[in-house]
Amino acid sequence: MAQSQGWVRRYAKAFCKGFFVAVPVAVTFLDRVACVARVEGASMQPSLNPGGSQSSDVVLLNHWKVRNFEVQRGDIVSLVFCFLTEAL
C-alpha cells in the first residue's frame, strides 16, 4: 500500500513539472512562431476550401514572416481584429 502511494506521488510530481514547463513553451510557440487555423466557408474559395461549406482546410499561420515583413505577392494573409469596448 505504501509503495503504491509513493508511485502515485512521484507520478503526480513528474506530471506537474512537465505541465508547468510544457504549457508556457507551447503558448510562446503558438503566439510567436506559428499556429494552426481552420478555414471554413466560401470566403477563400477557390484557393482554399474548394468543396464548399461542407469541407474545411487546415492552414499553418507563420507569424515570423509577417513580423519580418517578408510577405510577397500571392501569399495569404490572416488578420485578427480585436475590439476593445468600455463599460458604460
PDB file of N, CA and C in Angstrom:
ATOM      1  N   MET A   1       0.826  -1.197   0.000  1.00  0.00           N
ATOM      2  CA  MET A   1       0.000   0.000   0.000  1.00  0.00           C
ATOM      3  C   MET A   1       0.862   1.250   0.000  1.00  0.00           C
ATOM      4  N   ALA A   2       1.910   1.240   0.815  1.00  0.00           N
ATOM      5  CA  ALA A   2       2.788   2.409   0.905  1.00  0.00           C
ATOM      6  C   ALA A   2       3.556   2.612  -0.395  1.00  0.00           C
ATOM      7  N   GLN A   3       3.904   1.504  -1.077  1.00  0.00           N
ATOM      8  CA  GLN A   3       4.622   1.626  -2.340  1.00  0.00           C
ATOM      9  C   GLN A   3       3.747   2.241  -3.419  1.00  0.00           C
ATOM     10  N   SER A   4       2.475   1.892  -3.430  1.00  0.00           N
ATOM     11  CA  SER A   4       1.586   2.450  -4.453  1.00  0.00           C
ATOM     12  C   SER A   4       1.360   3.939  -4.236  1.00  0.00           C
ATOM     13  N   GLN A   5       1.313   4.369  -2.982  1.00  0.00           N
ATOM     14  CA  GLN A   5       1.160   5.805  -2.722  1.00  0.00           C
ATOM     15  C   GLN A   5       2.416   6.561  -3.129  1.00  0.00           C
ATOM     16  N   GLY A   6       3.579   5.982  -2.938  1.00  0.00           N
ATOM     17  CA  GLY A   6       4.831   6.611  -3.359  1.00  0.00           C
ATOM     18  C   GLY A   6       4.912   6.745  -4.862  1.00  0.00           C
ATOM     19  N   TRP A   7       4.455   5.730  -5.574  1.00  0.00           N
ATOM     20  CA  TRP A   7       4.441   5.763  -7.030  1.00  0.00           C
ATOM     21  C   TRP A   7       3.503   6.846  -7.543  1.00  0.00           C
ATOM     22  N   VAL A   8       2.334   6.949  -6.944  1.00  0.00           N
ATOM     23  CA  VAL A   8       1.365   7.963  -7.352  1.00  0.00           C
ATOM     24  C   VAL A   8       1.922   9.358  -7.084  1.00  0.00           C
ATOM     25  N   ARG A   9       2.553   9.520  -5.947  1.00  0.00           N
ATOM     26  CA  ARG A   9       3.123  10.829  -5.591  1.00  0.00           C
ATOM     27  C   ARG A   9       4.241  11.214  -6.565  1.00  0.00           C
ATOM     28  N   ARG A  10       5.102  10.271  -6.930  1.00  0.00           N
ATOM     29  CA  ARG A  10       6.176  10.556  -7.889  1.00  0.00           C
ATOM     30  C   ARG A  10       5.612  10.869  -9.268  1.00  0.00           C
ATOM     31  N   TYR A  11       4.591  10.121  -9.671  1.00  0.00           N
ATOM     32  CA  TYR A  11       3.958  10.359 -10.965  1.00  0.00           C
ATOM     33  C   TYR A  11       3.317  11.742 -10.996  1.00  0.00           C
ATOM     34  N   ALA A  12       2.603  12.118  -9.955  1.00  0.00           N
ATOM     35  CA  ALA A  12       1.956  13.425  -9.898  1.00  0.00           C
ATOM     36  C   ALA A  12       2.988  14.548  -9.912  1.00  0.00           C
ATOM     37  N   LYS A  13       4.079  14.358  -9.212  1.00  0.00           N
ATOM     38  CA  LYS A  13       5.130  15.373  -9.173  1.00  0.00           C
ATOM     39  C   LYS A  13       5.776  15.541 -10.551  1.00  0.00           C
ATOM     40  N   ALA A  14       6.059  14.443 -11.230  1.00  0.00           N
ATOM     41  CA  ALA A  14       6.648  14.500 -12.567  1.00  0.00           C
ATOM     42  C   ALA A  14       5.678  15.130 -13.560  1.00  0.00           C
ATOM     43  N   PHE A  15       4.390  14.803 -13.425  1.00  0.00           N
ATOM     44  CA  PHE A  15       3.384  15.383 -14.310  1.00  0.00           C
ATOM     45  C   PHE A  15       3.315  16.894 -14.125  1.00  0.00           C
ATOM     46  N   CYS A  16       3.313  17.362 -12.888  1.00  0.00           N
ATOM     47  CA  CYS A  16       3.236  18.806 -12.615  1.00  0.00           C
ATOM     48  C   CYS A  16       4.454  19.533 -13.150  1.00  0.00           C
ATOM     49  N   LYS A  17       5.646  18.949 -12.971  1.00  0.00           N
ATOM     50  CA  LYS A  17       6.854  19.578 -13.501  1.00  0.00           C
ATOM     51  C   LYS A  17       6.779  19.691 -15.020  1.00  0.00           C
ATOM     52  N   GLY A  18       6.385  18.627 -15.676  1.00  0.00           N
ATOM     53  CA  GLY A  18       6.267  18.641 -17.132  1.00  0.00           C
ATOM     54  C   GLY A  18       5.199  19.600 -17.608  1.00  0.00           C
ATOM     55  N   PHE A  19       4.090  19.652 -16.904  1.00  0.00           N
ATOM     56  CA  PHE A  19       2.985  20.532 -17.280  1.00  0.00           C
ATOM     57  C   PHE A  19       3.395  21.995 -17.191  1.00  0.00           C
ATOM     58  N   PHE A  20       4.054  22.365 -16.095  1.00  0.00           N
ATOM     59  CA  PHE A  20       4.430  23.760 -15.894  1.00  0.00           C
ATOM     60  C   PHE A  20       5.600  24.192 -16.773  1.00  0.00           C
ATOM     61  N   VAL A  21       6.267  23.253 -17.412  1.00  0.00           N
ATOM     62  CA  VAL A  21       7.286  23.596 -18.397  1.00  0.00           C
ATOM     63  C   VAL A  21       6.681  23.604 -19.795  1.00  0.00           C
ATOM     64  N   ALA A  22       5.848  22.624 -20.114  1.00  0.00           N
ATOM     65  CA  ALA A  22       5.319  22.475 -21.467  1.00  0.00           C
ATOM     66  C   ALA A  22       4.299  23.548 -21.828  1.00  0.00           C
ATOM     67  N   VAL A  23       3.461  23.946 -20.904  1.00  0.00           N
ATOM     68  CA  VAL A  23       2.410  24.925 -21.227  1.00  0.00           C
ATOM     69  C   VAL A  23       2.997  26.279 -21.623  1.00  0.00           C
ATOM     70  N   PRO A  24       3.914  26.875 -20.867  1.00  0.00           N
ATOM     71  CA  PRO A  24       4.479  28.153 -21.316  1.00  0.00           C
ATOM     72  C   PRO A  24       5.243  28.052 -22.642  1.00  0.00           C
ATOM     73  N   VAL A  25       5.943  26.933 -22.851  1.00  0.00           N
ATOM     74  CA  VAL A  25       6.655  26.747 -24.113  1.00  0.00           C
ATOM     75  C   VAL A  25       5.665  26.670 -25.273  1.00  0.00           C
ATOM     76  N   ALA A  26       4.591  25.924 -25.115  1.00  0.00           N
ATOM     77  CA  ALA A  26       3.590  25.796 -26.174  1.00  0.00           C
ATOM     78  C   ALA A  26       2.887  27.125 -26.443  1.00  0.00           C
ATOM     79  N   VAL A  27       2.536  27.855 -25.413  1.00  0.00           N
ATOM     80  CA  VAL A  27       1.865  29.142 -25.598  1.00  0.00           C
ATOM     81  C   VAL A  27       2.789  30.131 -26.306  1.00  0.00           C
ATOM     82  N   THR A  28       4.052  30.164 -25.915  1.00  0.00           N
ATOM     83  CA  THR A  28       5.015  31.058 -26.563  1.00  0.00           C
ATOM     84  C   THR A  28       5.200  30.681 -28.022  1.00  0.00           C
ATOM     85  N   PHE A  29       5.301  29.383 -28.316  1.00  0.00           N
ATOM     86  CA  PHE A  29       5.443  28.944 -29.704  1.00  0.00           C
ATOM     87  C   PHE A  29       4.242  29.351 -30.539  1.00  0.00           C
ATOM     88  N   LEU A  30       3.047  29.091 -30.038  1.00  0.00           N
ATOM     89  CA  LEU A  30       1.840  29.418 -30.790  1.00  0.00           C
ATOM     90  C   LEU A  30       1.642  30.919 -30.952  1.00  0.00           C
ATOM     91  N   ASP A  31       2.148  31.709 -30.019  1.00  0.00           N
ATOM     92  CA  ASP A  31       1.995  33.158 -30.095  1.00  0.00           C
ATOM     93  C   ASP A  31       3.061  33.808 -30.964  1.00  0.00           C
ATOM     94  N   ARG A  32       4.291  33.306 -30.925  1.00  0.00           N
ATOM     95  CA  ARG A  32       5.412  33.967 -31.592  1.00  0.00           C
ATOM     96  C   ARG A  32       5.838  33.332 -32.907  1.00  0.00           C
ATOM     97  N   VAL A  33       5.717  32.031 -33.058  1.00  0.00           N
ATOM     98  CA  VAL A  33       6.273  31.350 -34.223  1.00  0.00           C
ATOM     99  C   VAL A  33       5.195  30.998 -35.238  1.00  0.00           C
ATOM    100  N   ALA A  34       4.274  30.140 -34.869  1.00  0.00           N
ATOM    101  CA  ALA A  34       3.258  29.687 -35.812  1.00  0.00           C
ATOM    102  C   ALA A  34       2.086  29.089 -35.052  1.00  0.00           C
ATOM    103  N   CYS A  35       0.932  29.070 -35.687  1.00  0.00           N
ATOM    104  CA  CYS A  35      -0.226  28.406 -35.112  1.00  0.00           C
ATOM    105  C   CYS A  35      -1.045  27.777 -36.231  1.00  0.00           C
ATOM    106  N   VAL A  36      -1.920  26.902 -35.871  1.00  0.00           N
ATOM    107  CA  VAL A  36      -2.760  26.186 -36.824  1.00  0.00           C
ATOM    108  C   VAL A  36      -4.164  26.778 -36.773  1.00  0.00           C
ATOM    109  N   ALA A  37      -4.752  26.994 -37.955  1.00  0.00           N
ATOM    110  CA  ALA A  37      -6.099  27.548 -38.027  1.00  0.00           C
ATOM    111  C   ALA A  37      -6.912  26.756 -39.054  1.00  0.00           C
ATOM    112  N   ARG A  38      -8.212  26.784 -38.890  1.00  0.00           N
ATOM    113  CA  ARG A  38      -9.114  26.082 -39.804  1.00  0.00           C
ATOM    114  C   ARG A  38      -9.861  27.110 -40.642  1.00  0.00           C
ATOM    115  N   VAL A  39      -9.906  26.886 -41.952  1.00  0.00           N
ATOM    116  CA  VAL A  39     -10.596  27.773 -42.876  1.00  0.00           C
ATOM    117  C   VAL A  39     -11.918  27.110 -43.238  1.00  0.00           C
ATOM    118  N   GLU A  40     -13.009  27.801 -42.962  1.00  0.00           N
ATOM    119  CA  GLU A  40     -14.342  27.286 -43.270  1.00  0.00           C
ATOM    120  C   GLU A  40     -15.104  28.316 -44.095  1.00  0.00           C
ATOM    121  N   GLY A  41     -16.048  27.852 -44.860  1.00  0.00           N
ATOM    122  CA  GLY A  41     -16.905  28.755 -45.607  1.00  0.00           C
ATOM    123  C   GLY A  41     -16.356  29.098 -46.974  1.00  0.00           C
ATOM    124  N   ALA A  42     -17.028  29.991 -47.644  1.00  0.00           N
ATOM    125  CA  ALA A  42     -16.717  30.327 -49.031  1.00  0.00           C
ATOM    126  C   ALA A  42     -15.810  31.535 -49.173  1.00  0.00           C
ATOM    127  N   SER A  43     -15.309  32.077 -48.086  1.00  0.00           N
ATOM    128  CA  SER A  43     -14.548  33.319 -48.165  1.00  0.00           C
ATOM    129  C   SER A  43     -13.223  33.172 -48.909  1.00  0.00           C
ATOM    130  N   MET A  44     -12.623  32.003 -48.903  1.00  0.00           N
ATOM    131  CA  MET A  44     -11.318  31.819 -49.537  1.00  0.00           C
ATOM    132  C   MET A  44     -11.378  30.920 -50.771  1.00  0.00           C
ATOM    133  N   GLN A  45     -12.550  30.682 -51.307  1.00  0.00           N
ATOM    134  CA  GLN A  45     -12.659  29.833 -52.489  1.00  0.00           C
ATOM    135  C   GLN A  45     -12.152  30.580 -53.706  1.00  0.00           C
ATOM    136  N   PRO A  46     -11.580  29.968 -54.681  1.00  0.00           N
ATOM    137  CA  PRO A  46     -11.297  28.552 -54.877  1.00  0.00           C
ATOM    138  C   PRO A  46      -9.935  28.122 -54.335  1.00  0.00           C
ATOM    139  N   SER A  47      -9.128  29.060 -53.813  1.00  0.00           N
ATOM    140  CA  SER A  47      -7.792  28.683 -53.321  1.00  0.00           C
ATOM    141  C   SER A  47      -7.873  27.699 -52.169  1.00  0.00           C
ATOM    142  N   LEU A  48      -8.671  28.010 -51.182  1.00  0.00           N
ATOM    143  CA  LEU A  48      -8.870  27.139 -50.029  1.00  0.00           C
ATOM    144  C   LEU A  48     -10.337  26.755 -49.969  1.00  0.00           C
ATOM    145  N   ASN A  49     -10.592  25.585 -49.444  1.00  0.00           N
ATOM    146  CA  ASN A  49     -11.967  25.118 -49.269  1.00  0.00           C
ATOM    147  C   ASN A  49     -12.712  24.960 -50.589  1.00  0.00           C
ATOM    148  N   PRO A  50     -12.143  24.271 -51.581  1.00  0.00           N
ATOM    149  CA  PRO A  50     -12.798  24.188 -52.888  1.00  0.00           C
ATOM    150  C   PRO A  50     -14.099  23.398 -52.887  1.00  0.00           C
ATOM    151  N   GLY A  51     -14.310  22.569 -51.870  1.00  0.00           N
ATOM    152  CA  GLY A  51     -15.513  21.744 -51.849  1.00  0.00           C
ATOM    153  C   GLY A  51     -16.754  22.473 -51.363  1.00  0.00           C
ATOM    154  N   GLY A  52     -16.621  23.693 -50.944  1.00  0.00           N
ATOM    155  CA  GLY A  52     -17.767  24.428 -50.444  1.00  0.00           C
ATOM    156  C   GLY A  52     -17.799  24.457 -48.936  1.00  0.00           C
ATOM    157  N   SER A  53     -18.937  24.774 -48.390  1.00  0.00           N
ATOM    158  CA  SER A  53     -19.050  24.959 -46.944  1.00  0.00           C
ATOM    159  C   SER A  53     -19.056  23.645 -46.172  1.00  0.00           C
ATOM    160  N   GLN A  54     -19.173  22.498 -46.864  1.00  0.00           N
ATOM    161  CA  GLN A  54     -19.185  21.221 -46.163  1.00  0.00           C
ATOM    162  C   GLN A  54     -17.789  20.816 -45.717  1.00  0.00           C
ATOM    163  N   SER A  55     -16.749  21.304 -46.381  1.00  0.00           N
ATOM    164  CA  SER A  55     -15.389  20.907 -46.033  1.00  0.00           C
ATOM    165  C   SER A  55     -14.644  22.085 -45.419  1.00  0.00           C
ATOM    166  N   SER A  56     -13.527  21.783 -44.790  1.00  0.00           N
ATOM    167  CA  SER A  56     -12.687  22.836 -44.233  1.00  0.00           C
ATOM    168  C   SER A  56     -11.229  22.458 -44.430  1.00  0.00           C
ATOM    169  N   ASP A  57     -10.382  23.451 -44.616  1.00  0.00           N
ATOM    170  CA  ASP A  57      -8.950  23.241 -44.763  1.00  0.00           C
ATOM    171  C   ASP A  57      -8.246  23.704 -43.498  1.00  0.00           C
ATOM    172  N   VAL A  58      -7.105  23.097 -43.237  1.00  0.00           N
ATOM    173  CA  VAL A  58      -6.283  23.476 -42.089  1.00  0.00           C
ATOM    174  C   VAL A  58      -5.025  24.140 -42.643  1.00  0.00           C
ATOM    175  N   VAL A  59      -4.689  25.306 -42.106  1.00  0.00           N
ATOM    176  CA  VAL A  59      -3.529  26.053 -42.572  1.00  0.00           C
ATOM    177  C   VAL A  59      -2.603  26.361 -41.394  1.00  0.00           C
ATOM    178  N   LEU A  60      -1.338  26.561 -41.700  1.00  0.00           N
ATOM    179  CA  LEU A  60      -0.349  26.960 -40.711  1.00  0.00           C
ATOM    180  C   LEU A  60      -0.098  28.456 -40.892  1.00  0.00           C
ATOM    181  N   LEU A  61      -0.333  29.231 -39.852  1.00  0.00           N
ATOM    182  CA  LEU A  61      -0.123  30.674 -39.902  1.00  0.00           C
ATOM    183  C   LEU A  61       1.279  30.974 -39.371  1.00  0.00           C
ATOM    184  N   ASN A  62       2.133  31.521 -40.225  1.00  0.00           N
ATOM    185  CA  ASN A  62       3.525  31.802 -39.889  1.00  0.00           C
ATOM    186  C   ASN A  62       3.626  33.241 -39.391  1.00  0.00           C
ATOM    187  N   HIS A  63       3.898  33.415 -38.112  1.00  0.00           N
ATOM    188  CA  HIS A  63       3.975  34.753 -37.522  1.00  0.00           C
ATOM    189  C   HIS A  63       5.289  35.448 -37.855  1.00  0.00           C
ATOM    190  N   TRP A  64       6.371  34.704 -38.077  1.00  0.00           N
ATOM    191  CA  TRP A  64       7.671  35.318 -38.333  1.00  0.00           C
ATOM    192  C   TRP A  64       7.721  36.041 -39.660  1.00  0.00           C
ATOM    193  N   LYS A  65       7.067  35.505 -40.681  1.00  0.00           N
ATOM    194  CA  LYS A  65       7.078  36.155 -41.993  1.00  0.00           C
ATOM    195  C   LYS A  65       6.481  37.558 -41.911  1.00  0.00           C
ATOM    196  N   VAL A  66       5.403  37.696 -41.169  1.00  0.00           N
ATOM    197  CA  VAL A  66       4.745  38.994 -41.066  1.00  0.00           C
ATOM    198  C   VAL A  66       5.577  39.953 -40.224  1.00  0.00           C
ATOM    199  N   ARG A  67       6.158  39.456 -39.140  1.00  0.00           N
ATOM    200  CA  ARG A  67       6.978  40.327 -38.278  1.00  0.00           C
ATOM    201  C   ARG A  67       8.206  40.845 -39.001  1.00  0.00           C
ATOM    202  N   ASN A  68       8.776  40.055 -39.899  1.00  0.00           N
ATOM    203  CA  ASN A  68       9.969  40.463 -40.636  1.00  0.00           C
ATOM    204  C   ASN A  68       9.643  41.099 -41.986  1.00  0.00           C
ATOM    205  N   PHE A  69       8.373  41.365 -42.231  1.00  0.00           N
ATOM    206  CA  PHE A  69       7.905  41.992 -43.471  1.00  0.00           C
ATOM    207  C   PHE A  69       8.360  41.216 -44.706  1.00  0.00           C
ATOM    208  N   GLU A  70       8.252  39.908 -44.655  1.00  0.00           N
ATOM    209  CA  GLU A  70       8.629  39.045 -45.771  1.00  0.00           C
ATOM    210  C   GLU A  70       7.403  38.554 -46.542  1.00  0.00           C
ATOM    211  N   VAL A  71       6.349  39.325 -46.549  1.00  0.00           N
ATOM    212  CA  VAL A  71       5.129  38.954 -47.265  1.00  0.00           C
ATOM    213  C   VAL A  71       5.320  39.293 -48.734  1.00  0.00           C
ATOM    214  N   GLN A  72       4.999  38.339 -49.598  1.00  0.00           N
ATOM    215  CA  GLN A  72       5.161  38.528 -51.033  1.00  0.00           C
ATOM    216  C   GLN A  72       3.823  38.409 -51.731  1.00  0.00           C
ATOM    217  N   ARG A  73       3.798  38.832 -52.957  1.00  0.00           N
ATOM    218  CA  ARG A  73       2.590  38.738 -53.764  1.00  0.00           C
ATOM    219  C   ARG A  73       2.186  37.273 -53.900  1.00  0.00           C
ATOM    220  N   GLY A  74       0.921  36.989 -53.678  1.00  0.00           N
ATOM    221  CA  GLY A  74       0.398  35.635 -53.755  1.00  0.00           C
ATOM    222  C   GLY A  74       0.268  34.962 -52.397  1.00  0.00           C
ATOM    223  N   ASP A  75       0.850  35.543 -51.351  1.00  0.00           N
ATOM    224  CA  ASP A  75       0.715  34.991 -50.001  1.00  0.00           C
ATOM    225  C   ASP A  75      -0.673  35.279 -49.453  1.00  0.00           C
ATOM    226  N   ILE A  76      -1.167  34.375 -48.655  1.00  0.00           N
ATOM    227  CA  ILE A  76      -2.454  34.574 -47.991  1.00  0.00           C
ATOM    228  C   ILE A  76      -2.175  35.127 -46.603  1.00  0.00           C
ATOM    229  N   VAL A  77      -2.802  36.240 -46.283  1.00  0.00           N
ATOM    230  CA  VAL A  77      -2.567  36.915 -45.007  1.00  0.00           C
ATOM    231  C   VAL A  77      -3.835  36.830 -44.178  1.00  0.00           C
ATOM    232  N   SER A  78      -3.685  36.481 -42.915  1.00  0.00           N
ATOM    233  CA  SER A  78      -4.807  36.395 -41.986  1.00  0.00           C
ATOM    234  C   SER A  78      -4.735  37.570 -41.024  1.00  0.00           C
ATOM    235  N   LEU A  79      -5.825  38.268 -40.850  1.00  0.00           N
ATOM    236  CA  LEU A  79      -5.886  39.403 -39.940  1.00  0.00           C
ATOM    237  C   LEU A  79      -6.798  39.072 -38.779  1.00  0.00           C
ATOM    238  N   VAL A  80      -6.402  39.502 -37.600  1.00  0.00           N
ATOM    239  CA  VAL A  80      -7.205  39.310 -36.410  1.00  0.00           C
ATOM    240  C   VAL A  80      -7.523  40.696 -35.861  1.00  0.00           C
ATOM    241  N   PHE A  81      -8.789  40.971 -35.714  1.00  0.00           N
ATOM    242  CA  PHE A  81      -9.223  42.260 -35.189  1.00  0.00           C
ATOM    243  C   PHE A  81      -9.637  42.088 -33.728  1.00  0.00           C
ATOM    244  N   CYS A  82      -9.159  42.967 -32.916  1.00  0.00           N
ATOM    245  CA  CYS A  82      -9.526  42.978 -31.507  1.00  0.00           C
ATOM    246  C   CYS A  82     -10.252  44.272 -31.219  1.00  0.00           C
ATOM    247  N   PHE A  83     -11.458  44.150 -30.794  1.00  0.00           N
ATOM    248  CA  PHE A  83     -12.244  45.334 -30.454  1.00  0.00           C
ATOM    249  C   PHE A  83     -12.297  45.461 -28.941  1.00  0.00           C
ATOM    250  N   LEU A  84     -11.871  46.593 -28.462  1.00  0.00           N
ATOM    251  CA  LEU A  84     -11.937  46.871 -27.039  1.00  0.00           C
ATOM    252  C   LEU A  84     -13.089  47.832 -26.789  1.00  0.00           C
ATOM    253  N   THR A  85     -13.945  47.470 -25.879  1.00  0.00           N
ATOM    254  CA  THR A  85     -15.073  48.340 -25.558  1.00  0.00           C
ATOM    255  C   THR A  85     -15.027  48.688 -24.091  1.00  0.00           C
ATOM    256  N   GLU A  86     -15.486  49.847 -23.798  1.00  0.00           N
ATOM    257  CA  GLU A  86     -15.534  50.290 -22.407  1.00  0.00           C
ATOM    258  C   GLU A  86     -16.931  50.053 -21.845  1.00  0.00           C
ATOM    259  N   ALA A  87     -16.973  49.682 -20.620  1.00  0.00           N
ATOM    260  CA  ALA A  87     -18.263  49.515 -19.949  1.00  0.00           C
ATOM    261  C   ALA A  87     -18.773  50.903 -19.572  1.00  0.00           C
ATOM    262  N   LEU A  88     -20.001  51.178 -19.914  1.00  0.00           N
ATOM    263  CA  LEU A  88     -20.583  52.485 -19.597  1.00  0.00           C
ATOM    264  C   LEU A  88     -21.129  52.516 -18.196  1.00  0.00           C
TER     265      LEU A  88
END
